[in-house]
Amino acid sequence: MIRLMLADDHPVVRAGIRAMLEADPELVVVAEAGTAAEAVRLAADGGGDGVDLVLMDLQFPGELQGAEATRRIRALPDAPRVLVLTNYDTDADILGAIEAGASGYLLKDAPPEELLAAVRLAAAGESALAPAVSSRLAAADGAGQRLTAREAEVLTLVAEGRSNREIGRALFLSEATVKSHLVHIFTKLDVGSRTAAVARARELGAIRAG
């Protein structure tokens, strides 16, 4: 039996996912969380009956978001595995979640059989990337255009209109380091300005559209 927690701020979405999962007699949802903070708290408490795998969305109301919640959950003693289940498929989101310790990454429109297979793989500690996600990352790698998670963070803040100093403060980096990241970003994306870098990254799906 695989014990699951659903972390999503939409009750209707959680109900649909629960029904899909519990159609399989080997899967049982033992906890639900409507915020990322609640997911961390429940995971730390064992989710009542103990949790083997958390299905984690990325976007939540409030300050704490899914990637950081994943990092905190994976840092717990006897931590459950985490499978990201979201609508967001940018490189920044995918890399951020994987670097935070997620065992897999799946989009919410995945077919039921793909979701069930990913749940089993992730619960066993194996990689469970959706085929579309894997092919996207591979294509970006092959073209030499894939940004690192940190570069994507920097460029996301550039897209918000932040200065190098503001970006440095937000990410605890020196201005020189921010500039260095921007040089690498411009080179990878073959652009010469901040505006062009943001536009190109959005076109490639490296960062979220505005």
Foldseek 3Di string as FASTA:
>chain_A
DAEEEEEAQDPVLVVVVQVLQVVDVVYHYLYYHNALVVVLVCQLVLSVVHHQEYAFEADHPDDDGGLVSLLSQVPHVVGHAYEYEYQAQAQLVVLSNVVSHHQEYYYNPDDSVLVNVLVVQRSVSHRRYDPVNVVLVVVLVVLLQAAHNVLLLLLVVVVVVDDLVRSCVVVVHDSVVSVVSVVSLCVSQVHDDSVVSNVSSCVSRNYPDD
